Amino acid sequence: MLYKNMLELSQLHCLITVAKHGSFSRAAEELQITQSAISQSVKNLEERLGVRLFNRNGKNIVLTLEGQKLCVTSQKFLNTLEDTIQEIQDDKNKMVGGLRVGSLVGISKSWLLPDVMNFSEKYPDIFVNFKLSLVEDLLEKFEKSLLDCIIVPEDSVPLTGEKILFRDEYITLVFPKHSNYNISEGVDLTKISSYPLIFFENGDLLFSNWSRKLFGSVPSKVQRRIAVNSHGAMLSAVSRGLGIAVIPTHVLERSYYKDKVCTLGKNYEVFYQRYFLVYHKESRDLLRVKIFIDEMLATNGGGDGPSSSNQKQGGDIKELWDHDT
């Protein structure tokens, strides 16, 4: 640990080459530098270590015991380093290695997990590390290059990296299958605001956005019933007749409660926000990253519109997430 930041690769090359030839001049010829540069490199190395590495007897240059130990270890290290570099360069153009992807929990369950599983089946030599987390955590890890690419909302796209439109998110009103909720096409905002509301957190942007885009305004007064930061819990409350709510369509499509609540159909689905796939420019030079991005965009890219048939359920994946978001 003491010398890990002190020794230079060029010094180790000089050490090994001088030891191989037993001569400064022949080492200089092989490395194509001056003999004085070889001598100075060995001298600096000896000064840093505080030991002699060569015994000099006239023209004979031989390693000391300490020099032998360092030379053997240096040769092993440089061989390993060269092999690793070659492996990295070879892997760049092969579908092998690791892939680090991050996104939000909700859209990952609806959009990404099925496609990630399909990708893994198609390319079994790729190790996919798929992180589901909050935006702040994803951005921090992306900035530190701990993630190759992330899928985040437009307002959270980092300044660094390249971005591609991944998919559009739509929202819709859901209400109970109950005679007390007389909601049908043509309903006005006054009627909507007369029912108790299930909010996604306090001051629900989903409901406000939906109201404004469909009716041009937001009710000044509403009946707040429950505020909870879980779309699954909101749908559960609606299915029990506790109120109405505005939910992302992709959440509803994969939900256990899909057939236990009502909607007004695709004419009442409105655009909410865009999601972008963001990647490090240099990462896309890796074949595994390029293919992953291309395949994700082929399924999801460019937005999907209301009630898209591209919103996959994902077979076994759906069963894992049916009861919550």
Protein backbone atom coordinates (compact mmCIF):
# COMPACT_ATOMS: atom_id res chain seq x y z
CA MET A 1 0.00 0.00 0.00
CA LEU A 2 2.90 2.35 0.81
CA TYR A 3 4.21 2.44 -2.74
CA LYS A 4 1.04 1.98 -4.78
CA ASN A 5 1.05 5.62 -5.95
CA MET A 6 4.83 5.93 -6.21
CA LEU A 7 6.02 3.39 -8.77
CA GLU A 8 5.58 4.15 -12.44
CA LEU A 9 5.01 1.55 -15.15
CA SER A 10 7.92 2.95 -17.14
CA GLN A 11 10.25 2.32 -14.18
CA LEU A 12 9.10 -1.27 -13.94
CA HIS A 13 9.66 -1.75 -17.68
CA CYS A 14 13.17 -0.36 -17.32
CA LEU A 15 13.89 -2.64 -14.35
CA ILE A 16 12.74 -5.76 -16.21
CA THR A 17 14.54 -4.86 -19.45
CA VAL A 18 17.87 -4.09 -17.75
CA ALA A 19 17.61 -7.34 -15.79
CA LYS A 20 16.91 -9.28 -18.99
CA HIS A 21 19.93 -7.90 -20.86
CA GLY A 22 22.27 -7.21 -17.93
CA SER A 23 23.08 -3.98 -19.68
CA PHE A 24 21.85 -0.39 -19.64
CA SER A 25 22.83 0.17 -23.25
CA ARG A 26 21.03 -2.87 -24.64
CA ALA A 27 17.97 -2.06 -22.50
CA ALA A 28 18.02 1.46 -23.99
CA GLU A 29 18.12 -0.01 -27.50
CA GLU A 30 15.09 -2.24 -26.86
CA LEU A 31 13.03 0.50 -25.25
CA GLN A 32 14.23 3.07 -27.81
CA ILE A 33 15.28 5.64 -25.23
CA THR A 34 18.66 7.00 -24.21
CA GLN A 35 21.00 5.11 -21.88
CA SER A 36 21.02 8.06 -19.51
CA ALA A 37 17.21 7.89 -19.29
CA ILE A 38 17.48 4.19 -18.33
CA SER A 39 20.07 4.96 -15.68
CA GLN A 40 18.02 7.82 -14.25
CA SER A 41 14.86 5.69 -14.14
CA VAL A 42 16.61 2.91 -12.19
CA LYS A 43 18.23 5.46 -9.88
CA ASN A 44 14.85 7.11 -9.14
CA LEU A 45 13.30 3.73 -8.44
CA GLU A 46 16.08 2.79 -6.03
CA GLU A 47 15.73 6.12 -4.24
CA ARG A 48 12.00 5.70 -3.83
CA LEU A 49 12.40 2.20 -2.42
CA GLY A 50 15.49 2.98 -0.38
CA VAL A 51 17.32 -0.16 -1.59
CA ARG A 52 19.77 -1.10 -4.33
CA LEU A 53 18.23 -3.09 -7.13
CA PHE A 54 21.39 -3.79 -9.16
CA ASN A 55 24.98 -4.53 -8.33
CA ARG A 56 27.38 -2.92 -10.80
CA ASN A 57 30.79 -4.43 -11.38
CA GLY A 58 32.27 -2.82 -14.41
CA LYS A 59 30.06 -3.78 -17.33
CA ASN A 60 28.29 -6.53 -15.40
CA ILE A 61 24.82 -5.52 -14.16
CA VAL A 62 23.09 -8.09 -11.93
CA LEU A 63 19.99 -7.92 -9.73
CA THR A 64 20.32 -7.81 -5.98
CA LEU A 65 18.07 -10.06 -3.90
CA GLU A 66 15.66 -7.16 -3.45
CA GLY A 67 15.84 -6.44 -7.18
CA GLN A 68 15.04 -10.06 -7.99
CA LYS A 69 11.90 -9.96 -5.81
CA LEU A 70 10.67 -6.74 -7.39
CA CYS A 71 11.50 -7.89 -10.91
CA VAL A 72 9.54 -11.15 -10.58
CA THR A 73 6.51 -9.39 -9.07
CA SER A 74 6.68 -6.59 -11.66
CA GLN A 75 6.74 -9.07 -14.53
CA LYS A 76 3.68 -10.87 -13.16
CA PHE A 77 1.89 -7.56 -12.65
CA LEU A 78 2.62 -6.28 -16.15
CA ASN A 79 1.58 -9.59 -17.71
CA THR A 80 -1.71 -9.50 -15.79
CA LEU A 81 -2.26 -5.87 -16.73
CA GLU A 82 -1.61 -6.59 -20.41
CA ASP A 83 -3.98 -9.57 -20.36
CA THR A 84 -6.69 -7.49 -18.67
CA ILE A 85 -6.35 -4.66 -21.19
CA GLN A 86 -6.54 -7.14 -24.06
CA GLU A 87 -9.61 -8.77 -22.52
CA ILE A 88 -11.33 -5.39 -22.13
CA GLN A 89 -10.58 -4.47 -25.73
CA ASP A 90 -11.83 -7.84 -26.98
CA ASP A 91 -15.01 -7.63 -24.87
CA LYS A 92 -15.83 -4.24 -26.36
CA ASN A 93 -17.03 -5.93 -29.54
CA LYS A 94 -18.57 -9.05 -27.99
CA MET A 95 -21.86 -9.69 -26.25
CA VAL A 96 -20.18 -10.57 -22.98
CA GLY A 97 -19.45 -8.76 -19.73
CA GLY A 98 -21.55 -6.61 -17.43
CA LEU A 99 -24.34 -4.14 -18.08
CA ARG A 100 -25.50 -1.65 -15.42
CA VAL A 101 -28.97 -0.16 -15.88
CA GLY A 102 -31.09 1.94 -13.53
CA SER A 103 -34.64 3.28 -13.49
CA LEU A 104 -37.59 4.12 -11.27
CA VAL A 105 -39.54 1.37 -9.57
CA GLY A 106 -42.92 2.08 -11.19
CA ILE A 107 -41.93 2.17 -14.85
CA SER A 108 -39.44 -0.64 -14.32
CA LYS A 109 -42.23 -2.95 -13.26
CA SER A 110 -44.49 -1.86 -16.12
CA TRP A 111 -42.08 -1.34 -19.00
CA LEU A 112 -38.56 -2.53 -18.33
CA LEU A 113 -38.41 -5.73 -16.31
CA PRO A 114 -40.09 -7.90 -18.97
CA ASP A 115 -37.75 -6.53 -21.64
CA VAL A 116 -34.69 -6.91 -19.41
CA MET A 117 -35.64 -10.55 -18.80
CA ASN A 118 -36.06 -11.07 -22.55
CA PHE A 119 -32.67 -9.46 -23.17
CA SER A 120 -31.04 -11.72 -20.56
CA GLU A 121 -32.55 -14.81 -22.17
CA LYS A 122 -31.31 -13.73 -25.59
CA TYR A 123 -27.77 -12.90 -24.39
CA PRO A 124 -26.91 -15.33 -21.56
CA ASP A 125 -23.26 -14.20 -21.41
CA ILE A 126 -24.28 -10.70 -20.30
CA PHE A 127 -24.58 -10.04 -16.57
CA VAL A 128 -27.30 -7.41 -16.16
CA ASN A 129 -27.23 -5.40 -12.95
CA PHE A 130 -30.64 -3.69 -12.95
CA LYS A 131 -31.12 -1.12 -10.20
CA LEU A 132 -34.58 0.13 -9.22
CA SER A 133 -34.29 3.29 -7.15
CA LEU A 134 -35.24 6.94 -6.65
CA VAL A 135 -34.23 9.60 -9.16
CA GLU A 136 -31.66 11.19 -6.83
CA ASP A 137 -29.86 7.90 -6.30
CA LEU A 138 -29.91 7.05 -10.01
CA LEU A 139 -28.49 10.44 -10.99
CA GLU A 140 -25.72 10.22 -8.41
CA LYS A 141 -24.65 6.77 -9.60
CA PHE A 142 -24.85 7.82 -13.26
CA GLU A 143 -22.70 10.90 -12.61
CA LYS A 144 -20.11 8.63 -10.96
CA SER A 145 -20.26 6.25 -13.96
CA LEU A 146 -21.60 3.46 -11.76
CA LEU A 147 -24.48 2.99 -14.22
CA ASP A 148 -24.12 2.63 -17.99
CA CYS A 149 -27.58 4.01 -18.70
CA ILE A 150 -30.67 5.20 -16.84
CA ILE A 151 -34.33 5.76 -17.74
CA VAL A 152 -35.72 8.86 -15.99
CA PRO A 153 -38.42 11.55 -16.46
CA GLU A 154 -37.62 14.50 -18.71
CA ASP A 155 -37.33 16.94 -15.79
CA SER A 156 -34.70 14.69 -14.18
CA VAL A 157 -32.43 14.17 -17.20
CA PRO A 158 -28.82 14.92 -16.12
CA LEU A 159 -26.69 17.51 -17.90
CA THR A 160 -24.05 14.91 -18.67
CA GLY A 161 -24.63 12.04 -21.09
CA GLU A 162 -26.59 11.49 -24.27
CA LYS A 163 -30.39 11.23 -24.16
CA ILE A 164 -32.98 9.48 -26.33
CA LEU A 165 -36.75 9.69 -25.98
CA PHE A 166 -37.75 6.38 -24.43
CA ARG A 167 -41.48 6.48 -23.84
CA ASP A 168 -44.41 8.76 -22.99
CA GLU A 169 -46.44 8.32 -19.82
CA TYR A 170 -50.22 8.80 -19.83
CA ILE A 171 -52.67 9.11 -16.95
CA THR A 172 -56.38 8.32 -16.59
CA LEU A 173 -59.24 8.61 -14.13
CA VAL A 174 -60.29 5.46 -12.27
CA PHE A 175 -63.46 5.11 -10.22
CA PRO A 176 -65.29 2.33 -8.33
CA LYS A 177 -67.71 -0.17 -9.81
CA HIS A 178 -70.38 1.15 -7.48
CA SER A 179 -73.78 2.71 -8.09
CA ASN A 180 -72.82 5.69 -5.91
CA TYR A 181 -70.33 6.74 -8.58
CA ASN A 182 -72.37 7.85 -11.58
CA ILE A 183 -69.51 8.78 -13.93
CA SER A 184 -69.70 8.44 -17.70
CA GLU A 185 -68.40 10.10 -20.88
CA GLY A 186 -69.32 13.75 -21.00
CA VAL A 187 -68.90 14.19 -17.25
CA ASP A 188 -67.86 17.69 -16.21
CA LEU A 189 -65.32 18.82 -13.64
CA THR A 190 -68.00 19.89 -11.16
CA LYS A 191 -69.32 16.35 -11.12
CA ILE A 192 -65.84 14.90 -10.78
CA SER A 193 -64.98 17.15 -7.82
CA SER A 194 -68.16 16.11 -6.00
CA TYR A 195 -66.68 12.66 -5.32
CA PRO A 196 -64.05 11.92 -2.65
CA LEU A 197 -60.53 11.80 -4.07
CA ILE A 198 -57.66 9.39 -3.48
CA PHE A 199 -54.45 11.37 -4.00
CA PHE A 200 -50.90 10.37 -4.81
CA GLU A 201 -49.32 12.29 -1.93
CA ASN A 202 -50.61 15.65 -0.80
CA GLY A 203 -51.25 18.10 -3.66
CA ASP A 204 -51.54 15.40 -6.30
CA LEU A 205 -49.95 16.53 -9.59
CA LEU A 206 -51.58 13.65 -11.43
CA PHE A 207 -55.11 14.82 -10.69
CA SER A 208 -54.24 18.48 -11.30
CA ASN A 209 -52.59 17.71 -14.63
CA TRP A 210 -55.43 15.47 -15.78
CA SER A 211 -58.09 18.05 -14.85
CA ARG A 212 -56.27 20.94 -16.48
CA LYS A 213 -55.65 19.13 -19.78
CA LEU A 214 -59.19 17.79 -20.13
CA PHE A 215 -61.23 20.62 -18.64
CA GLY A 216 -58.87 23.60 -18.75
CA SER A 217 -58.86 24.12 -14.97
CA VAL A 218 -58.41 22.47 -11.58
CA PRO A 219 -61.23 22.34 -9.01
CA SER A 220 -60.80 25.00 -6.32
CA LYS A 221 -62.35 22.68 -3.76
CA VAL A 222 -62.18 18.90 -3.57
CA GLN A 223 -63.05 16.18 -1.07
CA ARG A 224 -59.74 14.73 0.05
CA ARG A 225 -60.22 11.17 1.30
CA ILE A 226 -56.78 9.52 1.31
CA ALA A 227 -53.27 10.64 0.34
CA VAL A 228 -50.75 7.84 -0.16
CA ASN A 229 -47.54 7.51 -2.17
CA SER A 230 -48.43 4.15 -3.69
CA HIS A 231 -50.42 3.69 -6.88
CA GLY A 232 -51.24 0.16 -5.80
CA ALA A 233 -52.76 1.42 -2.55
CA MET A 234 -54.69 4.07 -4.48
CA LEU A 235 -56.20 1.44 -6.76
CA SER A 236 -57.04 -0.72 -3.78
CA ALA A 237 -58.89 2.19 -2.17
CA VAL A 238 -60.79 2.92 -5.39
CA SER A 239 -61.79 -0.75 -5.79
CA ARG A 240 -63.26 -0.62 -2.27
CA GLY A 241 -65.42 2.36 -3.16
CA LEU A 242 -63.52 4.91 -1.09
CA GLY A 243 -63.11 7.43 -3.88
CA ILE A 244 -61.78 8.21 -7.37
CA ALA A 245 -58.16 8.70 -8.44
CA VAL A 246 -55.92 9.54 -11.38
CA ILE A 247 -53.40 6.79 -12.16
CA PRO A 248 -50.69 6.23 -14.81
CA THR A 249 -52.11 3.97 -17.50
CA HIS A 250 -49.11 1.66 -17.41
CA VAL A 251 -49.70 1.03 -13.69
CA LEU A 252 -53.36 0.23 -14.30
CA GLU A 253 -52.56 -2.11 -17.20
CA ARG A 254 -50.40 -4.39 -15.03
CA SER A 255 -52.41 -4.05 -11.82
CA TYR A 256 -54.33 -6.73 -9.97
CA TYR A 257 -57.13 -4.14 -9.75
CA LYS A 258 -57.35 -3.53 -13.50
CA ASP A 259 -60.73 -5.27 -13.81
CA LYS A 260 -61.96 -4.15 -10.39
CA VAL A 261 -62.19 -0.44 -11.24
CA CYS A 262 -63.69 1.61 -14.08
CA THR A 263 -62.23 4.16 -16.50
CA LEU A 264 -63.71 6.49 -19.10
CA GLY A 265 -61.69 4.98 -21.93
CA LYS A 266 -58.83 6.24 -24.05
CA ASN A 267 -60.49 9.59 -24.79
CA TYR A 268 -59.92 10.49 -21.16
CA GLU A 269 -56.29 9.42 -21.07
CA VAL A 270 -53.93 12.41 -21.20
CA PHE A 271 -50.19 12.84 -21.67
CA TYR A 272 -48.35 13.36 -18.38
CA GLN A 273 -44.60 13.24 -18.97
CA ARG A 274 -41.81 11.88 -21.13
CA TYR A 275 -39.13 9.43 -20.11
CA PHE A 276 -35.66 9.47 -21.61
CA LEU A 277 -32.97 6.84 -21.82
CA VAL A 278 -29.67 8.49 -20.88
CA TYR A 279 -26.28 6.91 -21.48
CA HIS A 280 -22.60 7.82 -21.37
CA LYS A 281 -21.43 8.57 -24.89
CA GLU A 282 -18.37 6.36 -24.48
CA SER A 283 -20.48 3.48 -23.11
CA ARG A 284 -22.35 3.10 -26.37
CA ASP A 285 -19.05 2.12 -28.00
CA LEU A 286 -19.45 -1.16 -26.09
CA LEU A 287 -21.45 -3.59 -28.19
CA ARG A 288 -23.44 -4.89 -25.21
CA VAL A 289 -24.59 -1.37 -24.31
CA LYS A 290 -25.41 -0.46 -27.90
CA ILE A 291 -27.47 -3.63 -28.44
CA PHE A 292 -29.30 -3.16 -25.13
CA ILE A 293 -30.23 0.43 -26.00
CA ASP A 294 -31.30 -0.51 -29.53
CA GLU A 295 -33.51 -3.36 -28.32
CA MET A 296 -35.11 -1.29 -25.54
CA LEU A 297 -35.89 1.49 -28.02
CA ALA A 298 -37.27 -0.98 -30.56
CA THR A 299 -39.88 -1.99 -27.98
CA ASN A 300 -40.42 1.30 -26.14
CA GLY A 301 -38.79 4.13 -28.03
CA GLY A 302 -40.45 7.35 -29.02
CA GLY A 303 -43.56 7.16 -26.87
CA ASP A 304 -46.47 4.77 -27.03
CA GLY A 305 -49.63 6.88 -26.95
CA PRO A 306 -52.76 6.18 -24.92
CA SER A 307 -53.71 2.55 -24.36
CA SER A 308 -50.73 1.28 -26.33
CA SER A 309 -50.60 -2.39 -27.16
CA ASN A 310 -46.83 -2.14 -26.59
CA GLN A 311 -47.33 -2.03 -22.82
CA LYS A 312 -46.17 -5.55 -22.12
CA GLN A 313 -47.45 -7.63 -19.26
CA GLY A 314 -44.42 -9.87 -19.26
CA GLY A 315 -45.85 -13.25 -18.29
CA ASP A 316 -44.26 -14.37 -15.03
CA ILE A 317 -43.07 -10.83 -14.36
CA LYS A 318 -46.66 -9.63 -14.11
CA GLU A 319 -47.37 -12.12 -11.35
CA LEU A 320 -44.55 -10.67 -9.25
CA TRP A 321 -45.93 -7.15 -9.25
CA ASP A 322 -49.71 -7.51 -9.58
CA HIS A 323 -50.59 -6.33 -6.08
CA ASP A 324 -48.53 -3.17 -5.80
CA THR A 325 -46.39 -0.66 -7.61
